[in-house]
Amino acid sequence: MELSAGRVSLGEVNIRRGIFQGDSLSPLLFVLSLIPLTVVLRKTKAGYDLGGESGVINHLLFMDDLKLYGKNERQIDTLVQTVRIMSGDMRMEFGISKCVVLTIKRETVTSCDGIVLPDNKRIRSLGEGGDGCKYLGVLDTDDIRLKKNP
């Protein structure tokens, strides 16, 4: 691959896989590489309706931390499969041990069986087989306090 700045060729670069850690350009390149994923997720019909003009939300993404939102388990499964396919296309891998599913129905945390991927790996339900998971360094647990809107 040829590296250039504007119209000036800087030379050939042999990129095999991944982004280098430790330099200032890598985080930017990593975030840019995830733009296609967020675009595809936004185009899906799945998501949680915030009501009014707020629109629909189906994911939050910060660097390599991703949360998916759907109004039912089928939508979550669709979003997970979309991320799985896009990750494969980008040669990125799920950190299955860091993935969990949380199902809330009518402001109550309910149990679910997790999500089984085509390779028979399973994304566990929150609270099963561990203490929870972290998103942006904050521990999510199954004792989430739900608050009713006025």
C-alpha atoms as a PDB file:
ATOM      1  CA  MET A   1       0.000   0.000   0.000  1.00  0.00           C
ATOM      2  CA  GLU A   2       1.305   3.438  -0.887  1.00  0.00           C
ATOM      3  CA  LEU A   3       1.293   6.068   1.844  1.00  0.00           C
ATOM      4  CA  SER A   4       0.807   9.628   0.650  1.00  0.00           C
ATOM      5  CA  ALA A   5       0.098  13.065   2.055  1.00  0.00           C
ATOM      6  CA  GLY A   6      -1.926  15.096  -0.400  1.00  0.00           C
ATOM      7  CA  ARG A   7      -0.301  14.403  -3.755  1.00  0.00           C
ATOM      8  CA  VAL A   8       3.143  13.621  -2.326  1.00  0.00           C
ATOM      9  CA  SER A   9       4.112   9.952  -2.121  1.00  0.00           C
ATOM     10  CA  LEU A  10       5.772   9.064   1.179  1.00  0.00           C
ATOM     11  CA  GLY A  11       6.579   5.477   0.194  1.00  0.00           C
ATOM     12  CA  GLU A  12       5.271   1.952   0.451  1.00  0.00           C
ATOM     13  CA  VAL A  13       3.820   0.609   3.692  1.00  0.00           C
ATOM     14  CA  ASN A  14       3.210  -3.082   4.309  1.00  0.00           C
ATOM     15  CA  ILE A  15       0.166  -3.278   6.604  1.00  0.00           C
ATOM     16  CA  ARG A  16      -0.736  -6.854   7.423  1.00  0.00           C
ATOM     17  CA  ARG A  17      -3.246  -6.493  10.211  1.00  0.00           C
ATOM     18  CA  GLY A  18      -4.204  -4.295  13.130  1.00  0.00           C
ATOM     19  CA  ILE A  19      -3.284  -0.841  14.265  1.00  0.00           C
ATOM     20  CA  PHE A  20      -0.081  -0.040  16.110  1.00  0.00           C
ATOM     21  CA  GLN A  21      -0.404   0.745  19.788  1.00  0.00           C
ATOM     22  CA  GLY A  22       1.433   3.599  21.383  1.00  0.00           C
ATOM     23  CA  ASP A  23       1.465   6.210  18.654  1.00  0.00           C
ATOM     24  CA  SER A  24      -0.903   9.165  18.450  1.00  0.00           C
ATOM     25  CA  LEU A  25      -2.383   8.283  15.049  1.00  0.00           C
ATOM     26  CA  SER A  26      -3.560   4.748  15.920  1.00  0.00           C
ATOM     27  CA  PRO A  27      -6.589   5.704  18.064  1.00  0.00           C
ATOM     28  CA  LEU A  28      -7.836   7.975  15.283  1.00  0.00           C
ATOM     29  CA  LEU A  29      -7.337   5.255  12.667  1.00  0.00           C
ATOM     30  CA  PHE A  30      -9.121   2.753  14.906  1.00  0.00           C
ATOM     31  CA  VAL A  31     -12.133   5.025  15.364  1.00  0.00           C
ATOM     32  CA  LEU A  32     -12.233   5.762  11.630  1.00  0.00           C
ATOM     33  CA  SER A  33     -12.209   2.025  10.901  1.00  0.00           C
ATOM     34  CA  LEU A  34     -15.424   1.647  12.958  1.00  0.00           C
ATOM     35  CA  ILE A  35     -17.384   4.306  11.062  1.00  0.00           C
ATOM     36  CA  PRO A  36     -18.760   1.747   8.561  1.00  0.00           C
ATOM     37  CA  LEU A  37     -20.049  -0.354  11.483  1.00  0.00           C
ATOM     38  CA  THR A  38     -21.899   2.552  13.053  1.00  0.00           C
ATOM     39  CA  VAL A  39     -23.353   3.564   9.660  1.00  0.00           C
ATOM     40  CA  VAL A  40     -24.692   0.035   9.059  1.00  0.00           C
ATOM     41  CA  LEU A  41     -26.109  -0.165  12.597  1.00  0.00           C
ATOM     42  CA  ARG A  42     -27.902   3.164  12.127  1.00  0.00           C
ATOM     43  CA  LYS A  43     -29.525   1.866   8.933  1.00  0.00           C
ATOM     44  CA  THR A  44     -31.042  -1.188  10.629  1.00  0.00           C
ATOM     45  CA  LYS A  45     -34.674  -1.062  11.688  1.00  0.00           C
ATOM     46  CA  ALA A  46     -33.731  -2.250  15.182  1.00  0.00           C
ATOM     47  CA  GLY A  47     -33.435   0.090  18.142  1.00  0.00           C
ATOM     48  CA  TYR A  48     -35.014   1.571  21.212  1.00  0.00           C
ATOM     49  CA  ASP A  49     -37.366   4.473  20.520  1.00  0.00           C
ATOM     50  CA  LEU A  50     -36.590   7.373  22.848  1.00  0.00           C
ATOM     51  CA  GLY A  51     -39.895   9.013  21.974  1.00  0.00           C
ATOM     52  CA  GLY A  52     -40.752  12.351  20.456  1.00  0.00           C
ATOM     53  CA  GLU A  53     -38.130  13.968  18.281  1.00  0.00           C
ATOM     54  CA  SER A  54     -35.274  12.243  20.108  1.00  0.00           C
ATOM     55  CA  GLY A  55     -35.299   9.405  17.598  1.00  0.00           C
ATOM     56  CA  VAL A  56     -34.148   5.817  17.870  1.00  0.00           C
ATOM     57  CA  ILE A  57     -30.947   4.574  19.494  1.00  0.00           C
ATOM     58  CA  ASN A  58     -29.493   1.156  18.818  1.00  0.00           C
ATOM     59  CA  HIS A  59     -25.883   1.529  19.871  1.00  0.00           C
ATOM     60  CA  LEU A  60     -23.327   3.498  21.824  1.00  0.00           C
ATOM     61  CA  LEU A  61     -19.730   3.245  20.676  1.00  0.00           C
ATOM     62  CA  PHE A  62     -16.639   4.593  22.379  1.00  0.00           C
ATOM     63  CA  MET A  63     -13.358   3.276  21.007  1.00  0.00           C
ATOM     64  CA  ASP A  64     -13.675  -0.517  21.338  1.00  0.00           C
ATOM     65  CA  ASP A  65     -16.581  -0.480  23.813  1.00  0.00           C
ATOM     66  CA  LEU A  66     -19.949  -1.094  22.165  1.00  0.00           C
ATOM     67  CA  LYS A  67     -23.423  -1.308  23.689  1.00  0.00           C
ATOM     68  CA  LEU A  68     -26.402  -2.411  21.604  1.00  0.00           C
ATOM     69  CA  TYR A  69     -30.028  -1.487  22.339  1.00  0.00           C
ATOM     70  CA  GLY A  70     -33.215  -3.019  20.972  1.00  0.00           C
ATOM     71  CA  LYS A  71     -36.854  -3.180  21.971  1.00  0.00           C
ATOM     72  CA  ASN A  72     -36.867  -6.986  22.002  1.00  0.00           C
ATOM     73  CA  GLU A  73     -34.538  -9.977  21.886  1.00  0.00           C
ATOM     74  CA  ARG A  74     -35.004 -10.425  18.133  1.00  0.00           C
ATOM     75  CA  GLN A  75     -33.727  -6.898  17.499  1.00  0.00           C
ATOM     76  CA  ILE A  76     -30.736  -7.432  19.784  1.00  0.00           C
ATOM     77  CA  ASP A  77     -29.951 -10.663  17.947  1.00  0.00           C
ATOM     78  CA  THR A  78     -30.141  -8.779  14.614  1.00  0.00           C
ATOM     79  CA  LEU A  79     -27.755  -6.109  15.905  1.00  0.00           C
ATOM     80  CA  VAL A  80     -25.333  -8.696  17.312  1.00  0.00           C
ATOM     81  CA  GLN A  81     -25.317 -10.609  14.025  1.00  0.00           C
ATOM     82  CA  THR A  82     -24.708  -7.337  12.141  1.00  0.00           C
ATOM     83  CA  VAL A  83     -21.733  -6.544  14.380  1.00  0.00           C
ATOM     84  CA  ARG A  84     -20.442 -10.119  13.990  1.00  0.00           C
ATOM     85  CA  ILE A  85     -20.584  -9.929  10.189  1.00  0.00           C
ATOM     86  CA  MET A  86     -19.038  -6.459  10.044  1.00  0.00           C
ATOM     87  CA  SER A  87     -16.323  -7.490  12.526  1.00  0.00           C
ATOM     88  CA  GLY A  88     -15.466 -10.454  10.337  1.00  0.00           C
ATOM     89  CA  ASP A  89     -15.286  -8.207   7.281  1.00  0.00           C
ATOM     90  CA  MET A  90     -12.896  -5.895   9.157  1.00  0.00           C
ATOM     91  CA  ARG A  91     -10.953  -8.883  10.560  1.00  0.00           C
ATOM     92  CA  MET A  92     -11.793  -7.890  14.109  1.00  0.00           C
ATOM     93  CA  GLU A  93     -12.875 -10.386  16.735  1.00  0.00           C
ATOM     94  CA  PHE A  94     -15.543 -10.355  19.416  1.00  0.00           C
ATOM     95  CA  GLY A  95     -14.166 -10.439  22.934  1.00  0.00           C
ATOM     96  CA  ILE A  96     -16.843 -13.025  23.830  1.00  0.00           C
ATOM     97  CA  SER A  97     -15.708 -13.154  27.456  1.00  0.00           C
ATOM     98  CA  LYS A  98     -16.463  -9.424  27.730  1.00  0.00           C
ATOM     99  CA  CYS A  99     -19.900  -9.610  26.064  1.00  0.00           C
ATOM    100  CA  VAL A 100     -23.166  -9.918  27.997  1.00  0.00           C
ATOM    101  CA  VAL A 101     -26.891  -9.635  27.305  1.00  0.00           C
ATOM    102  CA  LEU A 102     -29.282  -7.774  29.619  1.00  0.00           C
ATOM    103  CA  THR A 103     -33.025  -7.977  29.022  1.00  0.00           C
ATOM    104  CA  ILE A 104     -35.374  -5.478  30.654  1.00  0.00           C
ATOM    105  CA  LYS A 105     -39.128  -5.793  30.220  1.00  0.00           C
ATOM    106  CA  ARG A 106     -41.489  -3.232  31.715  1.00  0.00           C
ATOM    107  CA  GLU A 107     -38.738  -1.820  33.932  1.00  0.00           C
ATOM    108  CA  THR A 108     -37.849  -5.253  35.307  1.00  0.00           C
ATOM    109  CA  VAL A 109     -34.647  -7.171  34.628  1.00  0.00           C
ATOM    110  CA  THR A 110     -35.667 -10.541  33.188  1.00  0.00           C
ATOM    111  CA  SER A 111     -33.677 -13.662  32.520  1.00  0.00           C
ATOM    112  CA  CYS A 112     -32.642 -14.729  29.050  1.00  0.00           C
ATOM    113  CA  ASP A 113     -30.571 -17.542  27.596  1.00  0.00           C
ATOM    114  CA  GLY A 114     -27.996 -15.257  26.027  1.00  0.00           C
ATOM    115  CA  ILE A 115     -27.272 -15.257  22.310  1.00  0.00           C
ATOM    116  CA  VAL A 116     -25.790 -18.178  20.400  1.00  0.00           C
ATOM    117  CA  LEU A 117     -23.546 -17.255  17.487  1.00  0.00           C
ATOM    118  CA  PRO A 118     -23.231 -19.369  14.314  1.00  0.00           C
ATOM    119  CA  ASP A 119     -19.925 -20.845  15.553  1.00  0.00           C
ATOM    120  CA  ASN A 120     -21.817 -22.073  18.682  1.00  0.00           C
ATOM    121  CA  LYS A 121     -20.083 -19.561  20.937  1.00  0.00           C
ATOM    122  CA  ARG A 122     -22.568 -18.034  23.331  1.00  0.00           C
ATOM    123  CA  ILE A 123     -22.892 -14.510  24.673  1.00  0.00           C
ATOM    124  CA  ARG A 124     -23.942 -15.013  28.279  1.00  0.00           C
ATOM    125  CA  SER A 125     -26.722 -13.293  30.142  1.00  0.00           C
ATOM    126  CA  LEU A 126     -25.659 -10.575  32.607  1.00  0.00           C
ATOM    127  CA  GLY A 127     -25.142 -12.017  36.062  1.00  0.00           C
ATOM    128  CA  GLU A 128     -24.523 -15.535  34.764  1.00  0.00           C
ATOM    129  CA  GLY A 129     -21.003 -16.883  35.076  1.00  0.00           C
ATOM    130  CA  GLY A 130     -19.521 -13.649  36.371  1.00  0.00           C
ATOM    131  CA  ASP A 131     -20.130 -10.439  38.220  1.00  0.00           C
ATOM    132  CA  GLY A 132     -21.193  -8.431  35.188  1.00  0.00           C
ATOM    133  CA  CYS A 133     -19.251  -6.427  32.683  1.00  0.00           C
ATOM    134  CA  LYS A 134     -17.644  -3.042  32.417  1.00  0.00           C
ATOM    135  CA  TYR A 135     -18.562  -0.327  29.949  1.00  0.00           C
ATOM    136  CA  LEU A 136     -16.184   2.650  29.957  1.00  0.00           C
ATOM    137  CA  GLY A 137     -14.749   1.357  33.221  1.00  0.00           C
ATOM    138  CA  VAL A 138     -18.113   1.271  35.036  1.00  0.00           C
ATOM    139  CA  LEU A 139     -19.362  -2.114  36.227  1.00  0.00           C
ATOM    140  CA  ASP A 140     -22.842  -3.051  34.961  1.00  0.00           C
ATOM    141  CA  THR A 141     -24.547  -5.535  37.247  1.00  0.00           C
ATOM    142  CA  ASP A 142     -27.888  -7.273  37.336  1.00  0.00           C
ATOM    143  CA  ASP A 143     -29.075  -5.055  40.200  1.00  0.00           C
ATOM    144  CA  ILE A 144     -29.517  -2.022  37.944  1.00  0.00           C
ATOM    145  CA  ARG A 145     -31.867   0.457  39.531  1.00  0.00           C
ATOM    146  CA  LEU A 146     -34.711   1.295  37.211  1.00  0.00           C
ATOM    147  CA  LYS A 147     -36.491   4.578  37.665  1.00  0.00           C
ATOM    148  CA  LYS A 148     -39.969   5.394  36.396  1.00  0.00           C
ATOM    149  CA  ASN A 149     -40.351   8.513  34.314  1.00  0.00           C
ATOM    150  CA  PRO A 150     -42.840  11.071  35.715  1.00  0.00           C
END
